[in-house]
Amino acid sequence: MLVSRDERVPIARLLTFLEHGERMAHDCAKAQAALTVDSGTCRFLLSQVKQEAMHARVFQGAIAWLAPKHLRDAPFLPALEEYRRILEDALARRDLMETFLAEQVVLEGLGEAILTHIEQGLVKRAAPFGSLRRILLSRKKRTMVSGAARSNRQWPRGESMQRRCVGKPGVTSP
């Protein structure tokens, strides 16, 4: 057995944190796309919206497989919810610099660090779905690097990215 009975709940709790983080990243990227002026950044963010939704579904499936029924319906984690509130406040202020750092660098970096740690344990156990896990981890790394690079390119010149990404269906201002 790859996961012993006593490991299921702790692993499911960790995956619950990741799943909630993916949902937060989805919501934030969608709001960021509505605020950005740069069409390349807008495309990047709209692609991220789709990826984050898919990642959340992957984690939901793993949680459902691992966790007892009561854990699947557990409330959000308090610290993560406080982070969401801070992020939503920055979005309401239309502060893209703060939201890019908070979501693209910090939140994505935290997700990548957790996934890397999980992956190390799964490799030791010769767990299945290695290629799927590597894709997920590589996307997480790419998103973090791309987000950091975009913020470094845009803001040092004093440019404002605060404007609506015009013509993108489903993207609304926060």
N, C-alpha and C. Protein backbone atom coordinates (compact mmCIF):
# COMPACT_ATOMS: atom_id res chain seq x y z
N MET A 1 0.84 -1.18 0.00
CA MET A 1 0.00 0.00 0.00
C MET A 1 0.89 1.25 0.00
N LEU A 2 0.59 2.19 -0.90
CA LEU A 2 1.39 3.40 -1.00
C LEU A 2 1.18 4.35 0.17
N VAL A 3 -0.03 4.42 0.66
CA VAL A 3 -0.37 5.32 1.76
C VAL A 3 -1.00 4.49 2.87
N SER A 4 -0.37 4.51 4.03
CA SER A 4 -0.92 3.74 5.15
C SER A 4 -2.13 4.48 5.73
N ARG A 5 -2.93 3.76 6.49
CA ARG A 5 -4.15 4.34 7.07
C ARG A 5 -3.84 5.59 7.91
N ASP A 6 -2.76 5.54 8.68
CA ASP A 6 -2.46 6.68 9.55
C ASP A 6 -1.89 7.88 8.80
N GLU A 7 -1.55 7.70 7.52
CA GLU A 7 -1.05 8.82 6.71
C GLU A 7 -2.15 9.51 5.91
N ARG A 8 -3.28 8.88 5.73
CA ARG A 8 -4.33 9.41 4.86
C ARG A 8 -4.85 10.78 5.28
N VAL A 9 -5.20 10.96 6.53
CA VAL A 9 -5.77 12.23 6.98
C VAL A 9 -4.74 13.36 6.89
N PRO A 10 -3.49 13.17 7.38
CA PRO A 10 -2.53 14.27 7.24
C PRO A 10 -2.26 14.66 5.78
N ILE A 11 -2.18 13.67 4.91
CA ILE A 11 -1.95 13.97 3.50
C ILE A 11 -3.16 14.68 2.90
N ALA A 12 -4.35 14.22 3.25
CA ALA A 12 -5.57 14.86 2.75
C ALA A 12 -5.67 16.31 3.24
N ARG A 13 -5.25 16.57 4.47
CA ARG A 13 -5.26 17.95 4.98
C ARG A 13 -4.30 18.83 4.19
N LEU A 14 -3.15 18.32 3.88
CA LEU A 14 -2.18 19.06 3.07
C LEU A 14 -2.75 19.33 1.68
N LEU A 15 -3.37 18.32 1.09
CA LEU A 15 -3.99 18.50 -0.23
C LEU A 15 -5.17 19.46 -0.17
N THR A 16 -5.88 19.49 0.97
CA THR A 16 -6.98 20.45 1.13
C THR A 16 -6.43 21.87 1.10
N PHE A 17 -5.29 22.09 1.75
CA PHE A 17 -4.65 23.40 1.70
C PHE A 17 -4.32 23.76 0.25
N LEU A 18 -3.74 22.81 -0.49
CA LEU A 18 -3.39 23.07 -1.89
C LEU A 18 -4.63 23.33 -2.74
N GLU A 19 -5.68 22.57 -2.52
CA GLU A 19 -6.91 22.74 -3.30
C GLU A 19 -7.51 24.13 -3.06
N HIS A 20 -7.54 24.56 -1.81
CA HIS A 20 -8.07 25.89 -1.51
C HIS A 20 -7.17 26.98 -2.09
N GLY A 21 -5.87 26.74 -2.05
CA GLY A 21 -4.92 27.68 -2.66
C GLY A 21 -5.13 27.79 -4.17
N GLU A 22 -5.42 26.67 -4.82
CA GLU A 22 -5.69 26.69 -6.26
C GLU A 22 -6.95 27.48 -6.57
N ARG A 23 -7.97 27.32 -5.74
CA ARG A 23 -9.20 28.09 -5.96
C ARG A 23 -8.94 29.58 -5.76
N MET A 24 -8.14 29.91 -4.76
CA MET A 24 -7.80 31.30 -4.52
C MET A 24 -7.00 31.86 -5.71
N ALA A 25 -6.05 31.09 -6.21
CA ALA A 25 -5.26 31.53 -7.36
C ALA A 25 -6.15 31.71 -8.59
N HIS A 26 -7.12 30.83 -8.77
CA HIS A 26 -8.08 30.95 -9.88
C HIS A 26 -8.83 32.27 -9.80
N ASP A 27 -9.40 32.54 -8.63
CA ASP A 27 -10.19 33.77 -8.45
C ASP A 27 -9.32 35.01 -8.63
N CYS A 28 -8.12 34.97 -8.11
CA CYS A 28 -7.23 36.13 -8.20
C CYS A 28 -6.80 36.36 -9.64
N ALA A 29 -6.40 35.32 -10.36
CA ALA A 29 -5.96 35.47 -11.75
C ALA A 29 -7.09 36.01 -12.61
N LYS A 30 -8.31 35.58 -12.35
CA LYS A 30 -9.46 36.08 -13.09
C LYS A 30 -9.65 37.58 -12.84
N ALA A 31 -9.54 37.99 -11.59
CA ALA A 31 -9.67 39.41 -11.26
C ALA A 31 -8.50 40.22 -11.83
N GLN A 32 -7.30 39.66 -11.78
CA GLN A 32 -6.14 40.36 -12.34
C GLN A 32 -6.30 40.57 -13.84
N ALA A 33 -6.80 39.57 -14.55
CA ALA A 33 -7.01 39.69 -15.99
C ALA A 33 -7.97 40.83 -16.31
N ALA A 34 -8.94 41.04 -15.43
CA ALA A 34 -9.90 42.12 -15.64
C ALA A 34 -9.27 43.49 -15.42
N LEU A 35 -8.16 43.54 -14.72
CA LEU A 35 -7.53 44.82 -14.39
C LEU A 35 -6.33 45.16 -15.27
N THR A 36 -5.76 44.21 -15.96
CA THR A 36 -4.50 44.45 -16.66
C THR A 36 -4.71 45.13 -18.02
N VAL A 37 -3.74 45.91 -18.42
CA VAL A 37 -3.77 46.61 -19.70
C VAL A 37 -2.99 45.83 -20.76
N ASP A 38 -2.06 45.03 -20.36
CA ASP A 38 -1.17 44.32 -21.27
C ASP A 38 -1.84 43.06 -21.81
N SER A 39 -1.98 42.94 -23.13
CA SER A 39 -2.70 41.80 -23.71
C SER A 39 -1.96 40.48 -23.47
N GLY A 40 -0.63 40.50 -23.48
CA GLY A 40 0.13 39.28 -23.20
C GLY A 40 -0.09 38.81 -21.77
N THR A 41 -0.08 39.73 -20.84
CA THR A 41 -0.34 39.40 -19.44
C THR A 41 -1.76 38.89 -19.27
N CYS A 42 -2.68 39.52 -19.99
CA CYS A 42 -4.08 39.09 -19.92
C CYS A 42 -4.21 37.64 -20.40
N ARG A 43 -3.59 37.32 -21.53
CA ARG A 43 -3.64 35.93 -22.03
C ARG A 43 -3.02 34.96 -21.04
N PHE A 44 -1.89 35.34 -20.47
CA PHE A 44 -1.23 34.52 -19.46
C PHE A 44 -2.17 34.25 -18.28
N LEU A 45 -2.83 35.30 -17.80
CA LEU A 45 -3.73 35.16 -16.65
C LEU A 45 -4.96 34.32 -16.98
N LEU A 46 -5.53 34.51 -18.16
CA LEU A 46 -6.70 33.71 -18.53
C LEU A 46 -6.34 32.23 -18.70
N SER A 47 -5.13 31.97 -19.18
CA SER A 47 -4.66 30.58 -19.24
C SER A 47 -4.48 30.03 -17.83
N GLN A 48 -3.97 30.86 -16.94
CA GLN A 48 -3.79 30.44 -15.56
C GLN A 48 -5.13 30.13 -14.89
N VAL A 49 -6.16 30.91 -15.21
CA VAL A 49 -7.50 30.67 -14.64
C VAL A 49 -7.92 29.23 -14.94
N LYS A 50 -7.74 28.80 -16.18
CA LYS A 50 -8.12 27.43 -16.57
C LYS A 50 -7.27 26.40 -15.86
N GLN A 51 -5.95 26.65 -15.78
CA GLN A 51 -5.06 25.69 -15.13
C GLN A 51 -5.37 25.54 -13.65
N GLU A 52 -5.63 26.65 -12.98
CA GLU A 52 -5.90 26.58 -11.54
C GLU A 52 -7.18 25.79 -11.26
N ALA A 53 -8.19 25.97 -12.11
CA ALA A 53 -9.44 25.20 -11.94
C ALA A 53 -9.17 23.71 -12.11
N MET A 54 -8.36 23.37 -13.10
CA MET A 54 -8.03 21.96 -13.33
C MET A 54 -7.22 21.39 -12.16
N HIS A 55 -6.27 22.16 -11.66
CA HIS A 55 -5.46 21.71 -10.52
C HIS A 55 -6.34 21.47 -9.29
N ALA A 56 -7.29 22.36 -9.05
CA ALA A 56 -8.20 22.20 -7.91
C ALA A 56 -8.99 20.90 -8.04
N ARG A 57 -9.44 20.58 -9.26
CA ARG A 57 -10.19 19.32 -9.46
C ARG A 57 -9.31 18.10 -9.21
N VAL A 58 -8.05 18.17 -9.62
CA VAL A 58 -7.13 17.05 -9.36
C VAL A 58 -6.98 16.83 -7.85
N PHE A 59 -6.78 17.91 -7.12
CA PHE A 59 -6.64 17.79 -5.66
C PHE A 59 -7.93 17.30 -5.02
N GLN A 60 -9.07 17.77 -5.50
CA GLN A 60 -10.36 17.29 -4.97
C GLN A 60 -10.48 15.78 -5.13
N GLY A 61 -10.07 15.27 -6.28
CA GLY A 61 -10.12 13.83 -6.52
C GLY A 61 -9.21 13.06 -5.57
N ALA A 62 -8.02 13.57 -5.36
CA ALA A 62 -7.08 12.91 -4.44
C ALA A 62 -7.60 12.94 -3.01
N ILE A 63 -8.19 14.06 -2.62
CA ILE A 63 -8.75 14.19 -1.26
C ILE A 63 -9.90 13.20 -1.08
N ALA A 64 -10.76 13.11 -2.08
CA ALA A 64 -11.89 12.18 -2.00
C ALA A 64 -11.41 10.74 -1.87
N TRP A 65 -10.31 10.41 -2.52
CA TRP A 65 -9.76 9.05 -2.45
C TRP A 65 -9.12 8.79 -1.09
N LEU A 66 -8.45 9.79 -0.54
CA LEU A 66 -7.69 9.60 0.69
C LEU A 66 -8.49 9.75 1.98
N ALA A 67 -9.38 10.74 1.99
CA ALA A 67 -9.89 11.24 3.26
C ALA A 67 -11.20 10.62 3.68
N PRO A 68 -11.39 10.56 4.97
CA PRO A 68 -12.70 10.17 5.46
C PRO A 68 -13.72 11.25 5.07
N LYS A 69 -14.95 10.88 5.09
CA LYS A 69 -16.02 11.77 4.63
C LYS A 69 -16.00 13.12 5.34
N HIS A 70 -15.75 13.14 6.64
CA HIS A 70 -15.80 14.41 7.38
C HIS A 70 -14.74 15.40 6.93
N LEU A 71 -13.59 14.94 6.46
CA LEU A 71 -12.51 15.84 6.06
C LEU A 71 -12.82 16.52 4.73
N ARG A 72 -13.51 15.83 3.83
CA ARG A 72 -13.82 16.42 2.52
C ARG A 72 -14.67 17.67 2.64
N ASP A 73 -15.46 17.79 3.70
CA ASP A 73 -16.32 18.95 3.88
C ASP A 73 -15.77 19.92 4.92
N ALA A 74 -14.49 19.82 5.22
CA ALA A 74 -13.88 20.67 6.24
C ALA A 74 -13.89 22.14 5.78
N PRO A 75 -14.03 23.07 6.72
CA PRO A 75 -14.02 24.49 6.36
C PRO A 75 -12.63 24.93 5.91
N PHE A 76 -12.57 26.09 5.28
CA PHE A 76 -11.29 26.64 4.85
C PHE A 76 -10.35 26.79 6.04
N LEU A 77 -9.09 26.80 5.76
CA LEU A 77 -8.10 26.99 6.80
C LEU A 77 -8.05 28.48 7.17
N PRO A 78 -8.05 28.80 8.46
CA PRO A 78 -8.11 30.21 8.88
C PRO A 78 -6.99 31.09 8.31
N ALA A 79 -5.77 30.61 8.32
CA ALA A 79 -4.66 31.42 7.81
C ALA A 79 -4.81 31.68 6.31
N LEU A 80 -5.25 30.68 5.59
CA LEU A 80 -5.45 30.85 4.15
C LEU A 80 -6.60 31.80 3.87
N GLU A 81 -7.62 31.74 4.68
CA GLU A 81 -8.74 32.66 4.51
C GLU A 81 -8.33 34.10 4.81
N GLU A 82 -7.46 34.29 5.79
CA GLU A 82 -6.96 35.63 6.07
C GLU A 82 -6.13 36.13 4.88
N TYR A 83 -5.35 35.26 4.29
CA TYR A 83 -4.56 35.62 3.10
C TYR A 83 -5.50 35.99 1.96
N ARG A 84 -6.59 35.24 1.79
CA ARG A 84 -7.58 35.56 0.76
C ARG A 84 -8.16 36.96 0.99
N ARG A 85 -8.46 37.27 2.23
CA ARG A 85 -9.02 38.58 2.55
C ARG A 85 -8.05 39.70 2.17
N ILE A 86 -6.78 39.52 2.48
CA ILE A 86 -5.75 40.50 2.14
C ILE A 86 -5.65 40.66 0.62
N LEU A 87 -5.69 39.54 -0.08
CA LEU A 87 -5.62 39.55 -1.54
C LEU A 87 -6.84 40.24 -2.15
N GLU A 88 -8.01 39.94 -1.62
CA GLU A 88 -9.23 40.58 -2.13
C GLU A 88 -9.22 42.08 -1.86
N ASP A 89 -8.64 42.49 -0.73
CA ASP A 89 -8.53 43.91 -0.42
C ASP A 89 -7.62 44.60 -1.44
N ALA A 90 -6.50 43.97 -1.78
CA ALA A 90 -5.59 44.54 -2.78
C ALA A 90 -6.27 44.61 -4.15
N LEU A 91 -7.06 43.60 -4.48
CA LEU A 91 -7.80 43.63 -5.75
C LEU A 91 -8.84 44.75 -5.75
N ALA A 92 -9.50 44.95 -4.64
CA ALA A 92 -10.50 46.02 -4.54
C ALA A 92 -9.84 47.39 -4.70
N ARG A 93 -8.60 47.51 -4.23
CA ARG A 93 -7.85 48.76 -4.40
C ARG A 93 -7.23 48.85 -5.80
N ARG A 94 -7.36 47.78 -6.57
CA ARG A 94 -6.81 47.68 -7.92
C ARG A 94 -5.27 47.75 -7.90
N ASP A 95 -4.68 47.18 -6.87
CA ASP A 95 -3.23 47.20 -6.69
C ASP A 95 -2.65 45.92 -7.32
N LEU A 96 -2.41 45.98 -8.62
CA LEU A 96 -1.92 44.80 -9.32
C LEU A 96 -0.54 44.37 -8.87
N MET A 97 0.32 45.32 -8.53
CA MET A 97 1.66 44.97 -8.07
C MET A 97 1.57 44.07 -6.84
N GLU A 98 0.78 44.48 -5.86
CA GLU A 98 0.63 43.68 -4.65
C GLU A 98 0.02 42.32 -4.96
N THR A 99 -1.01 42.29 -5.83
CA THR A 99 -1.66 41.01 -6.11
C THR A 99 -0.76 40.08 -6.92
N PHE A 100 0.05 40.63 -7.82
CA PHE A 100 0.98 39.78 -8.56
C PHE A 100 1.98 39.15 -7.62
N LEU A 101 2.53 39.94 -6.72
CA LEU A 101 3.49 39.38 -5.76
C LEU A 101 2.82 38.36 -4.84
N ALA A 102 1.61 38.69 -4.36
CA ALA A 102 0.91 37.81 -3.42
C ALA A 102 0.48 36.51 -4.07
N GLU A 103 0.05 36.57 -5.31
CA GLU A 103 -0.48 35.36 -5.95
C GLU A 103 0.56 34.68 -6.82
N GLN A 104 1.13 35.42 -7.75
CA GLN A 104 2.05 34.82 -8.72
C GLN A 104 3.37 34.36 -8.10
N VAL A 105 3.82 35.04 -7.06
CA VAL A 105 5.11 34.69 -6.46
C VAL A 105 4.92 33.92 -5.16
N VAL A 106 4.21 34.51 -4.18
CA VAL A 106 4.11 33.88 -2.86
C VAL A 106 3.22 32.64 -2.89
N LEU A 107 1.98 32.78 -3.33
CA LEU A 107 1.04 31.65 -3.31
C LEU A 107 1.50 30.53 -4.24
N GLU A 108 1.92 30.88 -5.46
CA GLU A 108 2.41 29.86 -6.39
C GLU A 108 3.70 29.22 -5.86
N GLY A 109 4.56 30.01 -5.24
CA GLY A 109 5.80 29.47 -4.68
C GLY A 109 5.54 28.51 -3.54
N LEU A 110 4.57 28.84 -2.70
CA LEU A 110 4.20 27.95 -1.60
C LEU A 110 3.65 26.64 -2.16
N GLY A 111 2.78 26.74 -3.15
CA GLY A 111 2.23 25.53 -3.78
C GLY A 111 3.32 24.67 -4.39
N GLU A 112 4.26 25.30 -5.07
CA GLU A 112 5.36 24.57 -5.70
C GLU A 112 6.22 23.88 -4.64
N ALA A 113 6.49 24.56 -3.53
CA ALA A 113 7.30 23.96 -2.46
C ALA A 113 6.61 22.74 -1.85
N ILE A 114 5.31 22.86 -1.61
CA ILE A 114 4.55 21.74 -1.04
C ILE A 114 4.50 20.57 -2.03
N LEU A 115 4.22 20.88 -3.29
CA LEU A 115 4.15 19.81 -4.30
C LEU A 115 5.50 19.12 -4.47
N THR A 116 6.58 19.88 -4.41
CA THR A 116 7.92 19.28 -4.53
C THR A 116 8.17 18.32 -3.37
N HIS A 117 7.78 18.70 -2.18
CA HIS A 117 7.95 17.84 -1.00
C HIS A 117 7.11 16.56 -1.13
N ILE A 118 5.87 16.72 -1.56
CA ILE A 118 4.99 15.56 -1.75
C ILE A 118 5.57 14.64 -2.83
N GLU A 119 6.04 15.24 -3.92
CA GLU A 119 6.59 14.46 -5.03
C GLU A 119 7.78 13.61 -4.58
N GLN A 120 8.63 14.15 -3.73
CA GLN A 120 9.78 13.40 -3.25
C GLN A 120 9.33 12.13 -2.53
N GLY A 121 8.29 12.24 -1.71
CA GLY A 121 7.76 11.07 -1.02
C GLY A 121 7.12 10.08 -1.96
N LEU A 122 6.43 10.58 -2.98
CA LEU A 122 5.77 9.68 -3.94
C LEU A 122 6.79 8.95 -4.81
N VAL A 123 7.88 9.61 -5.17
CA VAL A 123 8.92 8.97 -5.97
C VAL A 123 9.55 7.83 -5.16
N LYS A 124 9.80 8.05 -3.86
CA LYS A 124 10.38 7.01 -3.00
C LYS A 124 9.47 5.78 -2.94
N ARG A 125 8.18 5.99 -3.06
CA ARG A 125 7.21 4.90 -2.96
C ARG A 125 6.86 4.32 -4.33
N ALA A 126 7.48 4.82 -5.36
CA ALA A 126 7.20 4.39 -6.73
C ALA A 126 5.70 4.52 -7.04
N ALA A 127 5.14 5.64 -6.65
CA ALA A 127 3.71 5.89 -6.84
C ALA A 127 3.37 6.02 -8.33
N PRO A 128 2.15 5.66 -8.68
CA PRO A 128 1.72 5.79 -10.07
C PRO A 128 1.46 7.25 -10.46
N PHE A 129 1.16 7.48 -11.71
CA PHE A 129 0.83 8.79 -12.27
C PHE A 129 1.99 9.77 -12.20
N GLY A 130 3.22 9.25 -12.33
CA GLY A 130 4.40 10.11 -12.26
C GLY A 130 4.39 11.21 -13.30
N SER A 131 3.99 10.90 -14.53
CA SER A 131 4.01 11.94 -15.57
C SER A 131 2.97 13.03 -15.27
N LEU A 132 1.80 12.65 -14.77
CA LEU A 132 0.78 13.64 -14.40
C LEU A 132 1.29 14.53 -13.27
N ARG A 133 1.93 13.92 -12.29
CA ARG A 133 2.46 14.69 -11.16
C ARG A 133 3.55 15.67 -11.63
N ARG A 134 4.41 15.20 -12.54
CA ARG A 134 5.47 16.07 -13.06
C ARG A 134 4.89 17.23 -13.86
N ILE A 135 3.84 16.99 -14.62
CA ILE A 135 3.19 18.07 -15.38
C ILE A 135 2.64 19.11 -14.42
N LEU A 136 1.95 18.68 -13.39
CA LEU A 136 1.36 19.60 -12.41
C LEU A 136 2.46 20.44 -11.75
N LEU A 137 3.53 19.79 -11.34
CA LEU A 137 4.63 20.49 -10.68
C LEU A 137 5.32 21.46 -11.64
N SER A 138 5.52 21.05 -12.87
CA SER A 138 6.18 21.93 -13.83
C SER A 138 5.32 23.14 -14.16
N ARG A 139 4.02 22.95 -14.25
CA ARG A 139 3.12 24.09 -14.49
C ARG A 139 3.16 25.07 -13.32
N LYS A 140 3.20 24.53 -12.12
CA LYS A 140 3.26 25.39 -10.93
C LYS A 140 4.54 26.22 -10.96
N LYS A 141 5.66 25.59 -11.28
CA LYS A 141 6.94 26.31 -11.36
C LYS A 141 6.91 27.36 -12.46
N ARG A 142 6.39 26.98 -13.63
CA ARG A 142 6.32 27.92 -14.75
C ARG A 142 5.47 29.13 -14.42
N THR A 143 4.34 28.92 -13.77
CA THR A 143 3.45 30.03 -13.41
C THR A 143 4.16 30.98 -12.47
N MET A 144 4.86 30.46 -11.49
CA MET A 144 5.57 31.30 -10.53
C MET A 144 6.66 32.10 -11.24
N VAL A 145 7.46 31.45 -12.07
CA VAL A 145 8.54 32.13 -12.77
C VAL A 145 7.99 33.17 -13.75
N SER A 146 6.95 32.81 -14.49
CA SER A 146 6.35 33.75 -15.45
C SER A 146 5.74 34.95 -14.74
N GLY A 147 5.06 34.72 -13.65
CA GLY A 147 4.46 35.82 -12.89
C GLY A 147 5.51 36.77 -12.35
N ALA A 148 6.59 36.22 -11.82
CA ALA A 148 7.67 37.06 -11.31
C ALA A 148 8.33 37.84 -12.44
N ALA A 149 8.56 37.18 -13.56
CA ALA A 149 9.19 37.85 -14.71
C ALA A 149 8.30 38.97 -15.24
N ARG A 150 6.99 38.72 -15.34
CA ARG A 150 6.08 39.75 -15.84
C ARG A 150 6.06 40.96 -14.91
N SER A 151 6.04 40.71 -13.61
CA SER A 151 6.02 41.85 -12.70
C SER A 151 7.33 42.62 -12.76
N ASN A 152 8.45 41.94 -12.92
CA ASN A 152 9.74 42.62 -13.03
C ASN A 152 9.84 43.45 -14.30
N ARG A 153 9.25 42.96 -15.40
CA ARG A 153 9.30 43.69 -16.68
C ARG A 153 8.41 44.92 -16.66
N GLN A 154 7.26 44.83 -16.02
CA GLN A 154 6.27 45.90 -16.09
C GLN A 154 6.50 47.02 -15.10
N TRP A 155 6.68 46.71 -13.85
CA TRP A 155 6.62 47.74 -12.82
C TRP A 155 7.89 48.56 -12.63
N PRO A 156 9.07 48.06 -12.91
CA PRO A 156 10.23 48.93 -12.72
C PRO A 156 10.19 50.18 -13.60
N ARG A 157 9.54 50.11 -14.74
CA ARG A 157 9.45 51.27 -15.64
C ARG A 157 8.37 52.24 -15.18
N GLY A 158 7.68 51.92 -14.11
CA GLY A 158 6.64 52.80 -13.60
C GLY A 158 5.34 52.70 -14.36
N GLU A 159 5.21 51.68 -15.19
CA GLU A 159 3.98 51.52 -15.95
C GLU A 159 2.86 51.01 -15.07
N SER A 160 1.68 51.44 -15.35
CA SER A 160 0.52 50.94 -14.64
C SER A 160 -0.12 49.83 -15.45
N MET A 161 -0.44 48.73 -14.81
CA MET A 161 -1.12 47.64 -15.48
C MET A 161 -2.61 47.67 -15.15
N GLN A 162 -3.07 48.77 -14.56
CA GLN A 162 -4.45 48.84 -14.09
C GLN A 162 -5.37 49.36 -15.17
N ARG A 163 -5.90 48.44 -15.91
CA ARG A 163 -6.93 48.74 -16.89
C ARG A 163 -7.59 47.43 -17.27
N ARG A 164 -8.78 47.50 -17.73
CA ARG A 164 -9.54 46.31 -18.06
C ARG A 164 -8.97 45.61 -19.29
N CYS A 165 -8.93 44.30 -19.25
CA CYS A 165 -8.52 43.47 -20.39
C CYS A 165 -9.74 43.39 -21.30
N VAL A 166 -9.80 44.23 -22.28
CA VAL A 166 -11.01 44.43 -23.10
C VAL A 166 -11.26 43.22 -24.00
N GLY A 167 -12.54 42.88 -24.09
CA GLY A 167 -12.96 41.86 -25.04
C GLY A 167 -12.77 40.43 -24.61
N LYS A 168 -12.52 40.19 -23.39
CA LYS A 168 -12.32 38.81 -22.91
C LYS A 168 -13.59 38.34 -22.23
N PRO A 169 -14.29 37.37 -22.83
CA PRO A 169 -15.53 36.89 -22.22
C PRO A 169 -15.28 36.26 -20.86
N GLY A 170 -16.20 36.51 -19.96
CA GLY A 170 -16.13 35.88 -18.63
C GLY A 170 -15.22 36.60 -17.66
N VAL A 171 -14.54 37.67 -18.10
CA VAL A 171 -13.66 38.39 -17.22
C VAL A 171 -14.38 39.64 -16.75
N THR A 172 -14.52 39.77 -15.45
CA THR A 172 -15.22 40.94 -14.91
C THR A 172 -14.35 41.60 -13.87
N SER A 173 -14.56 42.86 -13.70
CA SER A 173 -13.81 43.60 -12.66
C SER A 173 -14.27 43.13 -11.29
N PRO A 174 -13.36 43.17 -10.30
CA PRO A 174 -13.73 42.74 -8.96
C PRO A 174 -14.71 43.70 -8.33
